[in-house]
Every structure is written in C-alpha cells, then in structure tokens.
Amino acid sequence: MKAWLDRTRWEDAMGPAAVAEGLWSVDRSRYRRQRLGGCYDAMEKCRALLRRLHHLAGT
C-alpha cells in the first residue's frame, strides 16, 4: 500500500471546480472554495466530490 501511495499524485479538485463554476471573489481577488456541506465524513466527502465532478463533466 505504501508503495502505491508514494507513486500517487494528489491534487485538490475544489480549486479547478471553483474556476469552472466561475466563483471569483472580488473582495479576496481569488476563487472561492466551495463547501461540500455537513460534518466531516471522508467517505461522504469523496461521494460529494464525485457528484461535483460528474456535474462539471456534464454527465
């Protein structure tokens, strides 16, 4: 498992999602991050991210 993790490249998908949604904050001069909602649950966060990516992909 560790060997797989060492080869894996991790990226934050919420930054590109904010750009795709056009969530520019004039006050902060940067894109706003989107909250996925609810208390922290890693599995549900993954599901919410997949729903967002499907939405952005138009599927």
N, C-alpha and C. Protein backbone atom coordinates (compact mmCIF):
# COMPACT_ATOMS: atom_id res chain seq x y z
N MET A 1 0.83 -1.20 0.00
CA MET A 1 0.00 0.00 0.00
C MET A 1 0.87 1.26 0.00
N LYS A 2 1.92 1.29 0.81
CA LYS A 2 2.77 2.47 0.88
C LYS A 2 3.43 2.77 -0.45
N ALA A 3 3.85 1.73 -1.17
CA ALA A 3 4.48 1.93 -2.49
C ALA A 3 3.49 2.61 -3.44
N TRP A 4 2.24 2.22 -3.40
CA TRP A 4 1.22 2.84 -4.24
C TRP A 4 1.03 4.30 -3.86
N LEU A 5 0.97 4.58 -2.57
CA LEU A 5 0.80 5.96 -2.11
C LEU A 5 1.99 6.83 -2.50
N ASP A 6 3.20 6.26 -2.47
CA ASP A 6 4.39 7.02 -2.84
C ASP A 6 4.38 7.40 -4.32
N ARG A 7 3.75 6.59 -5.17
CA ARG A 7 3.70 6.86 -6.61
C ARG A 7 2.49 7.73 -7.00
N THR A 8 1.58 7.94 -6.08
CA THR A 8 0.33 8.63 -6.38
C THR A 8 0.52 10.14 -6.28
N ARG A 9 -0.08 10.85 -7.23
CA ARG A 9 -0.06 12.31 -7.20
C ARG A 9 -1.44 12.79 -6.74
N TRP A 10 -1.45 13.54 -5.66
CA TRP A 10 -2.70 14.02 -5.09
C TRP A 10 -2.87 15.50 -5.41
N GLU A 11 -4.08 15.87 -5.80
CA GLU A 11 -4.39 17.26 -6.10
C GLU A 11 -5.74 17.62 -5.51
N ASP A 12 -5.88 18.88 -5.17
CA ASP A 12 -7.15 19.40 -4.66
C ASP A 12 -8.06 19.68 -5.84
N ALA A 13 -9.17 19.00 -5.94
CA ALA A 13 -10.09 19.16 -7.06
C ALA A 13 -11.01 20.37 -6.89
N MET A 14 -11.08 20.94 -5.69
CA MET A 14 -12.02 22.03 -5.46
C MET A 14 -11.56 23.33 -6.10
N GLY A 15 -10.26 23.52 -6.26
CA GLY A 15 -9.76 24.73 -6.94
C GLY A 15 -10.24 24.80 -8.38
N PRO A 16 -9.98 23.76 -9.19
CA PRO A 16 -10.49 23.76 -10.56
C PRO A 16 -12.02 23.80 -10.63
N ALA A 17 -12.70 23.21 -9.65
CA ALA A 17 -14.16 23.26 -9.64
C ALA A 17 -14.63 24.70 -9.45
N ALA A 18 -13.97 25.46 -8.58
CA ALA A 18 -14.34 26.86 -8.37
C ALA A 18 -14.13 27.68 -9.64
N VAL A 19 -13.06 27.40 -10.36
CA VAL A 19 -12.79 28.09 -11.63
C VAL A 19 -13.88 27.75 -12.64
N ALA A 20 -14.21 26.46 -12.75
CA ALA A 20 -15.22 26.02 -13.71
C ALA A 20 -16.59 26.62 -13.40
N GLU A 21 -16.88 26.80 -12.13
CA GLU A 21 -18.16 27.38 -11.73
C GLU A 21 -18.14 28.91 -11.78
N GLY A 22 -16.97 29.50 -11.97
CA GLY A 22 -16.86 30.95 -12.03
C GLY A 22 -17.07 31.64 -10.70
N LEU A 23 -16.56 31.04 -9.63
CA LEU A 23 -16.78 31.56 -8.29
C LEU A 23 -15.68 32.53 -7.88
N TRP A 24 -15.50 33.58 -8.64
CA TRP A 24 -14.48 34.60 -8.36
C TRP A 24 -14.95 35.50 -7.22
N SER A 25 -14.09 35.75 -6.26
CA SER A 25 -14.38 36.65 -5.15
C SER A 25 -13.64 37.96 -5.41
N VAL A 26 -14.40 39.02 -5.65
CA VAL A 26 -13.80 40.33 -5.91
C VAL A 26 -13.08 40.82 -4.65
N ASP A 27 -13.69 40.60 -3.49
CA ASP A 27 -13.10 41.06 -2.22
C ASP A 27 -11.74 40.43 -1.95
N ARG A 28 -11.59 39.16 -2.27
CA ARG A 28 -10.35 38.44 -1.96
C ARG A 28 -9.42 38.30 -3.16
N SER A 29 -9.88 38.69 -4.33
CA SER A 29 -9.11 38.57 -5.58
C SER A 29 -8.62 37.14 -5.82
N ARG A 30 -9.49 36.21 -5.58
CA ARG A 30 -9.20 34.80 -5.85
C ARG A 30 -10.52 34.04 -5.93
N TYR A 31 -10.43 32.79 -6.36
CA TYR A 31 -11.63 31.97 -6.46
C TYR A 31 -12.04 31.48 -5.07
N ARG A 32 -13.35 31.44 -4.86
CA ARG A 32 -13.89 30.97 -3.59
C ARG A 32 -13.93 29.45 -3.57
N ARG A 33 -13.58 28.89 -2.46
CA ARG A 33 -13.69 27.44 -2.28
C ARG A 33 -15.14 27.10 -1.96
N GLN A 34 -15.55 25.94 -2.38
CA GLN A 34 -16.92 25.51 -2.13
C GLN A 34 -16.94 24.53 -0.97
N ARG A 35 -17.85 24.73 -0.09
CA ARG A 35 -18.03 23.78 1.00
C ARG A 35 -18.86 22.62 0.46
N LEU A 36 -18.48 21.42 0.86
CA LEU A 36 -19.24 20.26 0.44
C LEU A 36 -20.41 20.00 1.36
N GLY A 37 -20.43 20.66 2.51
CA GLY A 37 -21.57 20.59 3.43
C GLY A 37 -21.49 19.46 4.44
N GLY A 38 -22.13 19.67 5.58
CA GLY A 38 -22.24 18.64 6.60
C GLY A 38 -21.00 18.48 7.46
N CYS A 39 -21.12 17.60 8.46
CA CYS A 39 -19.98 17.30 9.31
C CYS A 39 -18.98 16.46 8.52
N TYR A 40 -17.77 16.39 9.00
CA TYR A 40 -16.73 15.72 8.23
C TYR A 40 -16.93 14.21 8.22
N ASP A 41 -17.04 13.67 7.04
CA ASP A 41 -17.16 12.23 6.82
C ASP A 41 -16.39 11.96 5.52
N ALA A 42 -15.23 11.33 5.63
CA ALA A 42 -14.35 11.16 4.48
C ALA A 42 -15.04 10.47 3.32
N MET A 43 -15.80 9.43 3.58
CA MET A 43 -16.48 8.70 2.51
C MET A 43 -17.51 9.59 1.83
N GLU A 44 -18.27 10.34 2.62
CA GLU A 44 -19.28 11.22 2.03
C GLU A 44 -18.62 12.36 1.27
N LYS A 45 -17.47 12.85 1.74
CA LYS A 45 -16.74 13.89 1.01
C LYS A 45 -16.32 13.37 -0.36
N CYS A 46 -15.87 12.14 -0.42
CA CYS A 46 -15.50 11.54 -1.71
C CYS A 46 -16.71 11.44 -2.63
N ARG A 47 -17.82 11.01 -2.08
CA ARG A 47 -19.05 10.92 -2.89
C ARG A 47 -19.49 12.30 -3.38
N ALA A 48 -19.41 13.29 -2.51
CA ALA A 48 -19.78 14.65 -2.91
C ALA A 48 -18.86 15.17 -4.00
N LEU A 49 -17.58 14.87 -3.88
CA LEU A 49 -16.63 15.28 -4.90
C LEU A 49 -16.95 14.61 -6.23
N LEU A 50 -17.26 13.33 -6.20
CA LEU A 50 -17.62 12.63 -7.44
C LEU A 50 -18.88 13.22 -8.07
N ARG A 51 -19.86 13.56 -7.23
CA ARG A 51 -21.08 14.20 -7.77
C ARG A 51 -20.73 15.52 -8.44
N ARG A 52 -19.86 16.31 -7.80
CA ARG A 52 -19.45 17.61 -8.37
C ARG A 52 -18.71 17.41 -9.68
N LEU A 53 -17.81 16.44 -9.74
CA LEU A 53 -17.05 16.19 -10.97
C LEU A 53 -17.98 15.72 -12.09
N HIS A 54 -18.96 14.88 -11.77
CA HIS A 54 -19.94 14.47 -12.78
C HIS A 54 -20.74 15.66 -13.28
N HIS A 55 -21.10 16.55 -12.36
CA HIS A 55 -21.84 17.75 -12.73
C HIS A 55 -21.00 18.62 -13.68
N LEU A 56 -19.73 18.82 -13.35
CA LEU A 56 -18.84 19.63 -14.17
C LEU A 56 -18.60 18.98 -15.54
N ALA A 57 -18.58 17.66 -15.55
CA ALA A 57 -18.35 16.95 -16.82
C ALA A 57 -19.61 16.88 -17.68
N GLY A 58 -20.74 17.28 -17.10
CA GLY A 58 -21.99 17.28 -17.86
C GLY A 58 -22.60 15.90 -18.01
N THR A 59 -22.28 15.00 -17.07
CA THR A 59 -22.86 13.65 -17.14
C THR A 59 -23.87 13.43 -16.06
